[in-house]
Amino acid sequence: VPDNNRAVGFTHIAGEPRVLVLEGGSGDGATLEQVLRGQSVRVERRRAAGVPATLAELQNYESLVMVNVRADQVSPASMKVLQ
């Protein structure tokens, strides 16, 4: 659905921000990672199945971005953590 292909948001972060980029296919998040690193953002890039297993682990990141991730690439348990 084209309507879900863009978003805008703001956040204020004290210290060095950390972002988790989940990618649907190998390399899908590489360009975003490069741009974020160019802005002094620490980036961890994982495949879609690499969603943190617990809310505590997810809280290690200021933001999570999904790049070309299909719903069937994320387990139901991971969907609950993200919710």
N, C-alpha and C. Protein backbone atom coordinates (compact mmCIF):
# COMPACT_ATOMS: atom_id res chain seq x y z
N VAL A 1 0.85 -1.17 0.00
CA VAL A 1 0.00 0.00 0.00
C VAL A 1 0.90 1.24 0.00
N PRO A 2 0.82 2.06 -1.00
CA PRO A 2 1.70 3.23 -1.08
C PRO A 2 1.59 4.17 0.12
N ASP A 3 0.43 4.24 0.76
CA ASP A 3 0.25 5.16 1.89
C ASP A 3 1.15 4.83 3.07
N ASN A 4 1.62 3.59 3.19
CA ASN A 4 2.46 3.25 4.34
C ASN A 4 3.95 3.30 4.03
N ASN A 5 4.32 3.93 2.95
CA ASN A 5 5.73 3.96 2.54
C ASN A 5 6.47 5.21 3.01
N ARG A 6 5.87 6.02 3.86
CA ARG A 6 6.57 7.18 4.36
C ARG A 6 6.04 7.55 5.74
N ALA A 7 6.90 8.20 6.48
CA ALA A 7 6.54 8.65 7.82
C ALA A 7 7.42 9.82 8.20
N VAL A 8 6.96 10.62 9.13
CA VAL A 8 7.70 11.76 9.63
C VAL A 8 7.55 11.77 11.14
N GLY A 9 8.63 12.09 11.84
CA GLY A 9 8.54 12.15 13.29
C GLY A 9 9.69 12.93 13.88
N PHE A 10 9.55 13.29 15.13
CA PHE A 10 10.58 14.01 15.86
C PHE A 10 10.86 13.27 17.15
N THR A 11 12.07 13.42 17.64
CA THR A 11 12.40 12.93 18.98
C THR A 11 13.60 13.72 19.48
N HIS A 12 13.68 13.88 20.78
CA HIS A 12 14.84 14.53 21.39
C HIS A 12 15.56 13.48 22.21
N ILE A 13 16.84 13.28 21.93
CA ILE A 13 17.61 12.23 22.59
C ILE A 13 18.83 12.85 23.24
N ALA A 14 19.03 12.54 24.50
CA ALA A 14 20.24 12.99 25.19
C ALA A 14 21.33 11.95 24.96
N GLY A 15 22.52 12.39 24.65
CA GLY A 15 23.61 11.45 24.39
C GLY A 15 23.57 10.96 22.95
N GLU A 16 24.38 9.95 22.69
CA GLU A 16 24.48 9.41 21.34
C GLU A 16 23.30 8.47 21.06
N PRO A 17 22.50 8.75 20.03
CA PRO A 17 21.35 7.90 19.74
C PRO A 17 21.77 6.55 19.18
N ARG A 18 20.93 5.57 19.42
CA ARG A 18 21.16 4.21 18.91
C ARG A 18 19.90 3.76 18.19
N VAL A 19 20.04 3.32 16.95
CA VAL A 19 18.91 2.93 16.12
C VAL A 19 19.10 1.49 15.65
N LEU A 20 18.02 0.72 15.70
CA LEU A 20 18.01 -0.64 15.17
C LEU A 20 17.31 -0.60 13.83
N VAL A 21 17.99 -1.05 12.79
CA VAL A 21 17.41 -1.12 11.45
C VAL A 21 17.18 -2.60 11.14
N LEU A 22 15.92 -2.95 10.92
CA LEU A 22 15.57 -4.32 10.52
C LEU A 22 15.29 -4.30 9.03
N GLU A 23 15.90 -5.22 8.31
CA GLU A 23 15.75 -5.25 6.86
C GLU A 23 15.11 -6.55 6.40
N GLY A 24 14.22 -6.43 5.41
CA GLY A 24 13.53 -7.59 4.86
C GLY A 24 14.43 -8.46 4.02
N GLY A 25 15.34 -7.85 3.29
CA GLY A 25 16.28 -8.58 2.46
C GLY A 25 17.69 -8.10 2.75
N SER A 26 18.64 -8.93 2.44
CA SER A 26 20.03 -8.59 2.70
C SER A 26 20.41 -7.29 1.98
N GLY A 27 20.88 -6.32 2.76
CA GLY A 27 21.32 -5.06 2.19
C GLY A 27 20.25 -3.99 2.06
N ASP A 28 18.98 -4.32 2.34
CA ASP A 28 17.89 -3.35 2.20
C ASP A 28 18.10 -2.11 3.06
N GLY A 29 18.73 -2.26 4.21
CA GLY A 29 18.90 -1.13 5.12
C GLY A 29 20.26 -0.46 5.03
N ALA A 30 21.08 -0.87 4.07
CA ALA A 30 22.46 -0.36 3.98
C ALA A 30 22.52 1.15 3.74
N THR A 31 21.70 1.65 2.85
CA THR A 31 21.73 3.09 2.56
C THR A 31 21.28 3.89 3.77
N LEU A 32 20.22 3.45 4.43
CA LEU A 32 19.76 4.13 5.63
C LEU A 32 20.83 4.10 6.71
N GLU A 33 21.47 2.97 6.88
CA GLU A 33 22.55 2.86 7.86
C GLU A 33 23.65 3.87 7.56
N GLN A 34 24.04 3.98 6.31
CA GLN A 34 25.10 4.91 5.91
C GLN A 34 24.70 6.36 6.22
N VAL A 35 23.47 6.72 5.92
CA VAL A 35 23.01 8.08 6.18
C VAL A 35 22.98 8.37 7.68
N LEU A 36 22.46 7.44 8.47
CA LEU A 36 22.41 7.64 9.91
C LEU A 36 23.80 7.75 10.52
N ARG A 37 24.70 6.89 10.10
CA ARG A 37 26.08 6.95 10.61
C ARG A 37 26.74 8.29 10.25
N GLY A 38 26.37 8.83 9.10
CA GLY A 38 26.89 10.13 8.70
C GLY A 38 26.40 11.26 9.60
N GLN A 39 25.36 10.99 10.36
CA GLN A 39 24.82 11.97 11.32
C GLN A 39 25.21 11.60 12.75
N SER A 40 26.23 10.77 12.91
CA SER A 40 26.74 10.34 14.22
C SER A 40 25.74 9.53 15.02
N VAL A 41 24.95 8.73 14.34
CA VAL A 41 23.99 7.84 14.99
C VAL A 41 24.58 6.44 14.99
N ARG A 42 24.57 5.79 16.15
CA ARG A 42 25.01 4.39 16.21
C ARG A 42 23.90 3.52 15.64
N VAL A 43 24.26 2.66 14.70
CA VAL A 43 23.27 1.85 14.00
C VAL A 43 23.63 0.38 14.14
N GLU A 44 22.61 -0.41 14.42
CA GLU A 44 22.75 -1.86 14.36
C GLU A 44 21.75 -2.33 13.32
N ARG A 45 22.23 -3.08 12.33
CA ARG A 45 21.38 -3.57 11.25
C ARG A 45 21.25 -5.07 11.38
N ARG A 46 20.00 -5.54 11.32
CA ARG A 46 19.71 -6.98 11.43
C ARG A 46 18.68 -7.36 10.38
N ARG A 47 18.61 -8.65 10.11
CA ARG A 47 17.54 -9.18 9.27
C ARG A 47 16.24 -9.09 10.06
N ALA A 48 15.11 -9.16 9.40
CA ALA A 48 13.79 -9.00 10.02
C ALA A 48 13.57 -9.97 11.18
N ALA A 49 14.11 -11.16 11.08
CA ALA A 49 13.94 -12.15 12.15
C ALA A 49 14.72 -11.77 13.41
N GLY A 50 15.51 -10.72 13.35
CA GLY A 50 16.33 -10.30 14.48
C GLY A 50 15.67 -9.31 15.41
N VAL A 51 14.34 -9.27 15.42
CA VAL A 51 13.62 -8.39 16.35
C VAL A 51 14.02 -8.77 17.77
N PRO A 52 14.31 -7.79 18.62
CA PRO A 52 14.64 -8.12 20.01
C PRO A 52 13.55 -9.01 20.63
N ALA A 53 13.98 -9.97 21.43
CA ALA A 53 13.05 -10.96 21.99
C ALA A 53 12.24 -10.42 23.16
N THR A 54 12.72 -9.36 23.80
CA THR A 54 12.02 -8.83 24.97
C THR A 54 11.93 -7.31 24.87
N LEU A 55 10.99 -6.76 25.61
CA LEU A 55 10.85 -5.31 25.66
C LEU A 55 12.10 -4.67 26.26
N ALA A 56 12.69 -5.33 27.24
CA ALA A 56 13.91 -4.80 27.86
C ALA A 56 15.03 -4.65 26.83
N GLU A 57 15.17 -5.62 25.94
CA GLU A 57 16.20 -5.54 24.90
C GLU A 57 15.86 -4.44 23.89
N LEU A 58 14.59 -4.29 23.58
CA LEU A 58 14.16 -3.27 22.63
C LEU A 58 14.41 -1.87 23.18
N GLN A 59 14.36 -1.71 24.48
CA GLN A 59 14.57 -0.41 25.10
C GLN A 59 16.01 0.08 25.00
N ASN A 60 16.90 -0.74 24.49
CA ASN A 60 18.28 -0.33 24.27
C ASN A 60 18.42 0.62 23.07
N TYR A 61 17.33 0.80 22.33
CA TYR A 61 17.35 1.62 21.12
C TYR A 61 16.41 2.81 21.27
N GLU A 62 16.81 3.94 20.71
CA GLU A 62 15.93 5.10 20.70
C GLU A 62 14.89 4.99 19.59
N SER A 63 15.23 4.20 18.57
CA SER A 63 14.33 4.07 17.43
C SER A 63 14.55 2.71 16.77
N LEU A 64 13.50 2.24 16.11
CA LEU A 64 13.57 1.02 15.32
C LEU A 64 12.96 1.35 13.96
N VAL A 65 13.68 1.02 12.90
CA VAL A 65 13.19 1.27 11.55
C VAL A 65 13.17 -0.05 10.81
N MET A 66 12.04 -0.32 10.16
CA MET A 66 11.91 -1.54 9.36
C MET A 66 11.96 -1.15 7.88
N VAL A 67 12.86 -1.79 7.14
CA VAL A 67 13.04 -1.48 5.72
C VAL A 67 12.64 -2.71 4.90
N ASN A 68 11.54 -2.58 4.15
CA ASN A 68 11.06 -3.67 3.29
C ASN A 68 10.80 -4.96 4.05
N VAL A 69 10.25 -4.86 5.24
CA VAL A 69 9.96 -6.03 6.06
C VAL A 69 8.49 -6.42 5.86
N ARG A 70 8.27 -7.66 5.45
CA ARG A 70 6.90 -8.19 5.31
C ARG A 70 6.45 -8.76 6.65
N ALA A 71 5.16 -8.78 6.88
CA ALA A 71 4.61 -9.30 8.14
C ALA A 71 5.01 -10.75 8.36
N ASP A 72 5.10 -11.53 7.29
CA ASP A 72 5.44 -12.95 7.47
C ASP A 72 6.93 -13.18 7.79
N GLN A 73 7.71 -12.12 7.82
CA GLN A 73 9.13 -12.23 8.20
C GLN A 73 9.35 -12.02 9.69
N VAL A 74 8.28 -11.66 10.39
CA VAL A 74 8.37 -11.38 11.82
C VAL A 74 7.43 -12.34 12.56
N SER A 75 7.92 -13.02 13.57
CA SER A 75 7.11 -13.99 14.29
C SER A 75 5.99 -13.29 15.08
N PRO A 76 4.92 -14.01 15.39
CA PRO A 76 3.86 -13.43 16.22
C PRO A 76 4.37 -12.94 17.58
N ALA A 77 5.31 -13.66 18.19
CA ALA A 77 5.88 -13.22 19.48
C ALA A 77 6.64 -11.91 19.31
N SER A 78 7.37 -11.78 18.22
CA SER A 78 8.10 -10.53 17.94
C SER A 78 7.16 -9.38 17.68
N MET A 79 6.04 -9.66 17.00
CA MET A 79 5.04 -8.62 16.75
C MET A 79 4.51 -8.07 18.08
N LYS A 80 4.31 -8.95 19.06
CA LYS A 80 3.83 -8.50 20.37
C LYS A 80 4.87 -7.61 21.05
N VAL A 81 6.14 -7.96 20.94
CA VAL A 81 7.19 -7.12 21.53
C VAL A 81 7.18 -5.75 20.88
N LEU A 82 7.04 -5.69 19.57
CA LEU A 82 7.02 -4.43 18.86
C LEU A 82 5.79 -3.59 19.21
N GLN A 83 4.68 -4.26 19.41
CA GLN A 83 3.45 -3.55 19.78
C GLN A 83 3.59 -2.88 21.10
